[in-house]
């Protein structure tokens, strides 16, 4: 299963599940650790942004 198909099957609200899946996939691929962390960071930021838009809250308020 590709990372893209695994991610598209997940809800934007399940950020922890997405990070776990991406971590497992990056360990099995030839992707360097730095590239994997960069990709995971970008997806994490996008998921938090989607959650904020869904809840109509700015990220700084969600962070506390």
PDB file of N, CA and C in Angstrom:
ATOM      1  N   UNK A   1       0.847  -1.172   0.000  1.00  0.00           N
ATOM      2  CA  UNK A   1       0.000   0.000   0.000  1.00  0.00           C
ATOM      3  C   UNK A   1       0.894   1.237   0.000  1.00  0.00           C
ATOM      4  N   UNK A   2       0.589   2.199  -0.846  1.00  0.00           N
ATOM      5  CA  UNK A   2       1.399   3.414  -0.897  1.00  0.00           C
ATOM      6  C   UNK A   2       1.001   4.352   0.235  1.00  0.00           C
ATOM      7  N   UNK A   3       1.896   5.276   0.543  1.00  0.00           N
ATOM      8  CA  UNK A   3       1.615   6.240   1.608  1.00  0.00           C
ATOM      9  C   UNK A   3       0.395   7.079   1.251  1.00  0.00           C
ATOM     10  N   UNK A   4       0.275   7.458  -0.023  1.00  0.00           N
ATOM     11  CA  UNK A   4      -0.851   8.288  -0.444  1.00  0.00           C
ATOM     12  C   UNK A   4      -2.176   7.555  -0.273  1.00  0.00           C
ATOM     13  N   UNK A   5      -2.250   6.294  -0.659  1.00  0.00           N
ATOM     14  CA  UNK A   5      -3.513   5.569  -0.516  1.00  0.00           C
ATOM     15  C   UNK A   5      -3.831   5.319   0.950  1.00  0.00           C
ATOM     16  N   UNK A   6      -2.812   5.094   1.769  1.00  0.00           N
ATOM     17  CA  UNK A   6      -3.053   4.899   3.201  1.00  0.00           C
ATOM     18  C   UNK A   6      -3.577   6.181   3.831  1.00  0.00           C
ATOM     19  N   UNK A   7      -3.004   7.317   3.450  1.00  0.00           N
ATOM     20  CA  UNK A   7      -3.422   8.592   4.021  1.00  0.00           C
ATOM     21  C   UNK A   7      -4.811   8.994   3.552  1.00  0.00           C
ATOM     22  N   UNK A   8      -5.144   8.728   2.295  1.00  0.00           N
ATOM     23  CA  UNK A   8      -6.447   9.148   1.786  1.00  0.00           C
ATOM     24  C   UNK A   8      -7.581   8.369   2.429  1.00  0.00           C
ATOM     25  N   UNK A   9      -7.289   7.211   2.979  1.00  0.00           N
ATOM     26  CA  UNK A   9      -8.320   6.411   3.632  1.00  0.00           C
ATOM     27  C   UNK A   9      -8.587   6.868   5.059  1.00  0.00           C
ATOM     28  N   UNK A  10      -7.756   7.754   5.593  1.00  0.00           N
ATOM     29  CA  UNK A  10      -7.889   8.188   6.981  1.00  0.00           C
ATOM     30  C   UNK A  10      -8.628   9.511   7.080  1.00  0.00           C
ATOM     31  N   UNK A  11      -9.266   9.703   8.196  1.00  0.00           N
ATOM     32  CA  UNK A  11      -9.943  10.954   8.489  1.00  0.00           C
ATOM     33  C   UNK A  11      -8.922  12.019   8.860  1.00  0.00           C
ATOM     34  N   UNK A  12      -9.244  13.249   8.566  1.00  0.00           N
ATOM     35  CA  UNK A  12      -8.363  14.354   8.962  1.00  0.00           C
ATOM     36  C   UNK A  12      -8.290  14.468  10.477  1.00  0.00           C
ATOM     37  N   UNK A  13      -9.234  13.871  11.173  1.00  0.00           N
ATOM     38  CA  UNK A  13      -9.260  13.955  12.625  1.00  0.00           C
ATOM     39  C   UNK A  13      -8.381  12.905  13.291  1.00  0.00           C
ATOM     40  N   UNK A  14      -7.857  11.977  12.538  1.00  0.00           N
ATOM     41  CA  UNK A  14      -7.049  10.918  13.142  1.00  0.00           C
ATOM     42  C   UNK A  14      -5.567  11.150  12.882  1.00  0.00           C
ATOM     43  N   UNK A  15      -5.060  12.263  13.382  1.00  0.00           N
ATOM     44  CA  UNK A  15      -3.668  12.640  13.139  1.00  0.00           C
ATOM     45  C   UNK A  15      -2.701  11.618  13.713  1.00  0.00           C
ATOM     46  N   UNK A  16      -2.994  11.080  14.872  1.00  0.00           N
ATOM     47  CA  UNK A  16      -2.087  10.105  15.483  1.00  0.00           C
ATOM     48  C   UNK A  16      -2.025   8.829  14.650  1.00  0.00           C
ATOM     49  N   UNK A  17      -3.154   8.391  14.130  1.00  0.00           N
ATOM     50  CA  UNK A  17      -3.174   7.208  13.268  1.00  0.00           C
ATOM     51  C   UNK A  17      -2.368   7.455  12.004  1.00  0.00           C
ATOM     52  N   UNK A  18      -2.508   8.646  11.455  1.00  0.00           N
ATOM     53  CA  UNK A  18      -1.772   8.990  10.237  1.00  0.00           C
ATOM     54  C   UNK A  18      -0.272   8.985  10.496  1.00  0.00           C
ATOM     55  N   UNK A  19       0.144   9.554  11.611  1.00  0.00           N
ATOM     56  CA  UNK A  19       1.574   9.592  11.934  1.00  0.00           C
ATOM     57  C   UNK A  19       2.121   8.183  12.157  1.00  0.00           C
ATOM     58  N   UNK A  20       1.355   7.338  12.817  1.00  0.00           N
ATOM     59  CA  UNK A  20       1.794   5.956  13.042  1.00  0.00           C
ATOM     60  C   UNK A  20       1.944   5.210  11.725  1.00  0.00           C
ATOM     61  N   UNK A  21       0.978   5.380  10.829  1.00  0.00           N
ATOM     62  CA  UNK A  21       1.026   4.697   9.534  1.00  0.00           C
ATOM     63  C   UNK A  21       2.209   5.190   8.709  1.00  0.00           C
ATOM     64  N   UNK A  22       2.426   6.499   8.699  1.00  0.00           N
ATOM     65  CA  UNK A  22       3.542   7.042   7.926  1.00  0.00           C
ATOM     66  C   UNK A  22       4.880   6.607   8.504  1.00  0.00           C
ATOM     67  N   UNK A  23       4.969   6.539   9.813  1.00  0.00           N
ATOM     68  CA  UNK A  23       6.211   6.106  10.453  1.00  0.00           C
ATOM     69  C   UNK A  23       6.538   4.667  10.079  1.00  0.00           C
ATOM     70  N   UNK A  24       5.524   3.814  10.115  1.00  0.00           N
ATOM     71  CA  UNK A  24       5.733   2.409   9.753  1.00  0.00           C
ATOM     72  C   UNK A  24       6.129   2.270   8.290  1.00  0.00           C
ATOM     73  N   UNK A  25       5.484   3.040   7.411  1.00  0.00           N
ATOM     74  CA  UNK A  25       5.797   2.955   5.987  1.00  0.00           C
ATOM     75  C   UNK A  25       7.193   3.483   5.681  1.00  0.00           C
ATOM     76  N   UNK A  26       7.609   4.547   6.381  1.00  0.00           N
ATOM     77  CA  UNK A  26       8.930   5.107   6.100  1.00  0.00           C
ATOM     78  C   UNK A  26      10.025   4.166   6.573  1.00  0.00           C
ATOM     79  N   UNK A  27       9.757   3.382   7.610  1.00  0.00           N
ATOM     80  CA  UNK A  27      10.746   2.420   8.097  1.00  0.00           C
ATOM     81  C   UNK A  27      10.964   1.302   7.085  1.00  0.00           C
ATOM     82  N   UNK A  28       9.935   1.008   6.280  1.00  0.00           N
ATOM     83  CA  UNK A  28      10.025  -0.073   5.302  1.00  0.00           C
ATOM     84  C   UNK A  28      10.515   0.410   3.941  1.00  0.00           C
ATOM     85  N   UNK A  29      10.643   1.716   3.758  1.00  0.00           N
ATOM     86  CA  UNK A  29      11.030   2.229   2.445  1.00  0.00           C
ATOM     87  C   UNK A  29      12.493   2.664   2.445  1.00  0.00           C
ATOM     88  N   UNK A  30      12.945   3.078   1.290  1.00  0.00           N
ATOM     89  CA  UNK A  30      14.326   3.530   1.138  1.00  0.00           C
ATOM     90  C   UNK A  30      14.465   5.019   1.443  1.00  0.00           C
ATOM     91  N   UNK A  31      13.395   5.631   1.925  1.00  0.00           N
ATOM     92  CA  UNK A  31      13.401   7.057   2.208  1.00  0.00           C
ATOM     93  C   UNK A  31      14.348   7.354   3.380  1.00  0.00           C
ATOM     94  N   UNK A  32      15.136   8.391   3.253  1.00  0.00           N
ATOM     95  CA  UNK A  32      16.044   8.750   4.344  1.00  0.00           C
ATOM     96  C   UNK A  32      15.243   9.250   5.542  1.00  0.00           C
ATOM     97  N   UNK A  33      15.835   9.184   6.699  1.00  0.00           N
ATOM     98  CA  UNK A  33      15.158   9.614   7.922  1.00  0.00           C
ATOM     99  C   UNK A  33      14.768  11.089   7.843  1.00  0.00           C
ATOM    100  N   UNK A  34      15.639  11.918   7.283  1.00  0.00           N
ATOM    101  CA  UNK A  34      15.350  13.350   7.177  1.00  0.00           C
ATOM    102  C   UNK A  34      14.174  13.604   6.239  1.00  0.00           C
ATOM    103  N   UNK A  35      14.132  12.912   5.122  1.00  0.00           N
ATOM    104  CA  UNK A  35      13.016  13.065   4.181  1.00  0.00           C
ATOM    105  C   UNK A  35      11.717  12.589   4.804  1.00  0.00           C
ATOM    106  N   UNK A  36      11.769  11.476   5.512  1.00  0.00           N
ATOM    107  CA  UNK A  36      10.571  10.940   6.151  1.00  0.00           C
ATOM    108  C   UNK A  36      10.036  11.912   7.199  1.00  0.00           C
ATOM    109  N   UNK A  37      10.909  12.478   8.010  1.00  0.00           N
ATOM    110  CA  UNK A  37      10.469  13.424   9.040  1.00  0.00           C
ATOM    111  C   UNK A  37       9.903  14.695   8.419  1.00  0.00           C
ATOM    112  N   UNK A  38      10.497  15.153   7.334  1.00  0.00           N
ATOM    113  CA  UNK A  38       9.986  16.346   6.648  1.00  0.00           C
ATOM    114  C   UNK A  38       8.589  16.094   6.100  1.00  0.00           C
ATOM    115  N   UNK A  39       8.398  14.945   5.481  1.00  0.00           N
ATOM    116  CA  UNK A  39       7.083  14.597   4.934  1.00  0.00           C
ATOM    117  C   UNK A  39       6.057  14.452   6.050  1.00  0.00           C
ATOM    118  N   UNK A  40       6.432  13.802   7.135  1.00  0.00           N
ATOM    119  CA  UNK A  40       5.509  13.613   8.254  1.00  0.00           C
ATOM    120  C   UNK A  40       5.145  14.950   8.895  1.00  0.00           C
ATOM    121  N   UNK A  41       6.094  15.860   8.981  1.00  0.00           N
ATOM    122  CA  UNK A  41       5.824  17.188   9.541  1.00  0.00           C
ATOM    123  C   UNK A  41       4.836  17.957   8.675  1.00  0.00           C
ATOM    124  N   UNK A  42       5.014  17.884   7.368  1.00  0.00           N
ATOM    125  CA  UNK A  42       4.105  18.575   6.447  1.00  0.00           C
ATOM    126  C   UNK A  42       2.686  18.031   6.569  1.00  0.00           C
ATOM    127  N   UNK A  43       2.544  16.726   6.663  1.00  0.00           N
ATOM    128  CA  UNK A  43       1.216  16.120   6.799  1.00  0.00           C
ATOM    129  C   UNK A  43       0.613  16.480   8.150  1.00  0.00           C
ATOM    130  N   UNK A  44       1.403  16.469   9.206  1.00  0.00           N
ATOM    131  CA  UNK A  44       0.917  16.819  10.537  1.00  0.00           C
ATOM    132  C   UNK A  44       0.374  18.245  10.562  1.00  0.00           C
ATOM    133  N   UNK A  45       1.113  19.175   9.961  1.00  0.00           N
ATOM    134  CA  UNK A  45       0.665  20.568   9.905  1.00  0.00           C
ATOM    135  C   UNK A  45      -0.639  20.680   9.120  1.00  0.00           C
ATOM    136  N   UNK A  46      -0.723  19.976   8.002  1.00  0.00           N
ATOM    137  CA  UNK A  46      -1.940  20.018   7.181  1.00  0.00           C
ATOM    138  C   UNK A  46      -3.136  19.447   7.934  1.00  0.00           C
ATOM    139  N   UNK A  47      -2.935  18.371   8.688  1.00  0.00           N
ATOM    140  CA  UNK A  47      -4.034  17.777   9.453  1.00  0.00           C
ATOM    141  C   UNK A  47      -4.518  18.717  10.554  1.00  0.00           C
ATOM    142  N   UNK A  48      -3.599  19.392  11.233  1.00  0.00           N
ATOM    143  CA  UNK A  48      -4.000  20.360  12.253  1.00  0.00           C
ATOM    144  C   UNK A  48      -4.745  21.529  11.617  1.00  0.00           C
ATOM    145  N   UNK A  49      -4.311  21.966  10.440  1.00  0.00           N
ATOM    146  CA  UNK A  49      -4.984  23.043   9.732  1.00  0.00           C
ATOM    147  C   UNK A  49      -6.408  22.636   9.360  1.00  0.00           C
ATOM    148  N   UNK A  50      -6.568  21.422   8.850  1.00  0.00           N
ATOM    149  CA  UNK A  50      -7.907  20.930   8.512  1.00  0.00           C
ATOM    150  C   UNK A  50      -8.805  20.853   9.742  1.00  0.00           C
ATOM    151  N   UNK A  51      -8.252  20.382  10.847  1.00  0.00           N
ATOM    152  CA  UNK A  51      -9.033  20.290  12.085  1.00  0.00           C
ATOM    153  C   UNK A  51      -9.473  21.680  12.539  1.00  0.00           C
ATOM    154  N   UNK A  52      -8.571  22.650  12.466  1.00  0.00           N
ATOM    155  CA  UNK A  52      -8.914  24.018  12.842  1.00  0.00           C
ATOM    156  C   UNK A  52      -9.995  24.607  11.956  1.00  0.00           C
ATOM    157  N   UNK A  53      -9.908  24.347  10.670  1.00  0.00           N
ATOM    158  CA  UNK A  53     -10.933  24.847   9.747  1.00  0.00           C
ATOM    159  C   UNK A  53     -12.279  24.190  10.015  1.00  0.00           C
ATOM    160  N   UNK A  54     -12.260  22.892  10.306  1.00  0.00           N
ATOM    161  CA  UNK A  54     -13.506  22.181  10.589  1.00  0.00           C
ATOM    162  C   UNK A  54     -14.169  22.728  11.856  1.00  0.00           C
ATOM    163  N   UNK A  55     -13.366  23.026  12.868  1.00  0.00           N
ATOM    164  CA  UNK A  55     -13.895  23.519  14.141  1.00  0.00           C
ATOM    165  C   UNK A  55     -14.009  25.039  14.185  1.00  0.00           C
ATOM    166  N   UNK A  56     -13.609  25.699  13.080  1.00  0.00           N
ATOM    167  CA  UNK A  56     -13.648  27.159  12.965  1.00  0.00           C
ATOM    168  C   UNK A  56     -12.884  27.838  14.101  1.00  0.00           C
ATOM    169  N   UNK A  57     -11.688  27.309  14.381  1.00  0.00           N
ATOM    170  CA  UNK A  57     -10.806  27.863  15.409  1.00  0.00           C
ATOM    171  C   UNK A  57      -9.414  28.072  14.833  1.00  0.00           C
ATOM    172  N   UNK A  58      -8.745  29.161  15.233  1.00  0.00           N
ATOM    173  CA  UNK A  58      -7.350  29.315  14.814  1.00  0.00           C
ATOM    174  C   UNK A  58      -6.476  28.305  15.555  1.00  0.00           C
ATOM    175  N   UNK A  59      -5.365  27.940  14.949  1.00  0.00           N
ATOM    176  CA  UNK A  59      -4.491  26.937  15.556  1.00  0.00           C
ATOM    177  C   UNK A  59      -3.970  27.359  16.917  1.00  0.00           C
ATOM    178  N   UNK A  60      -3.706  28.644  17.102  1.00  0.00           N
ATOM    179  CA  UNK A  60      -3.177  29.081  18.395  1.00  0.00           C
ATOM    180  C   UNK A  60      -4.187  28.867  19.512  1.00  0.00           C
ATOM    181  N   UNK A  61      -5.493  28.942  19.208  1.00  0.00           N
ATOM    182  CA  UNK A  61      -6.504  28.672  20.234  1.00  0.00           C
ATOM    183  C   UNK A  61      -6.603  27.179  20.521  1.00  0.00           C
ATOM    184  N   UNK A  62      -6.450  26.363  19.486  1.00  0.00           N
ATOM    185  CA  UNK A  62      -6.515  24.913  19.690  1.00  0.00           C
ATOM    186  C   UNK A  62      -5.324  24.430  20.508  1.00  0.00           C
ATOM    187  N   UNK A  63      -4.187  25.089  20.354  1.00  0.00           N
ATOM    188  CA  UNK A  63      -2.982  24.685  21.082  1.00  0.00           C
ATOM    189  C   UNK A  63      -3.047  25.092  22.555  1.00  0.00           C
ATOM    190  N   UNK A  64      -3.911  26.029  22.857  1.00  0.00           N
ATOM    191  CA  UNK A  64      -4.065  26.428  24.253  1.00  0.00           C
ATOM    192  C   UNK A  64      -3.287  27.624  24.544  1.00  0.00           C
TER     193      UNK A  64
END
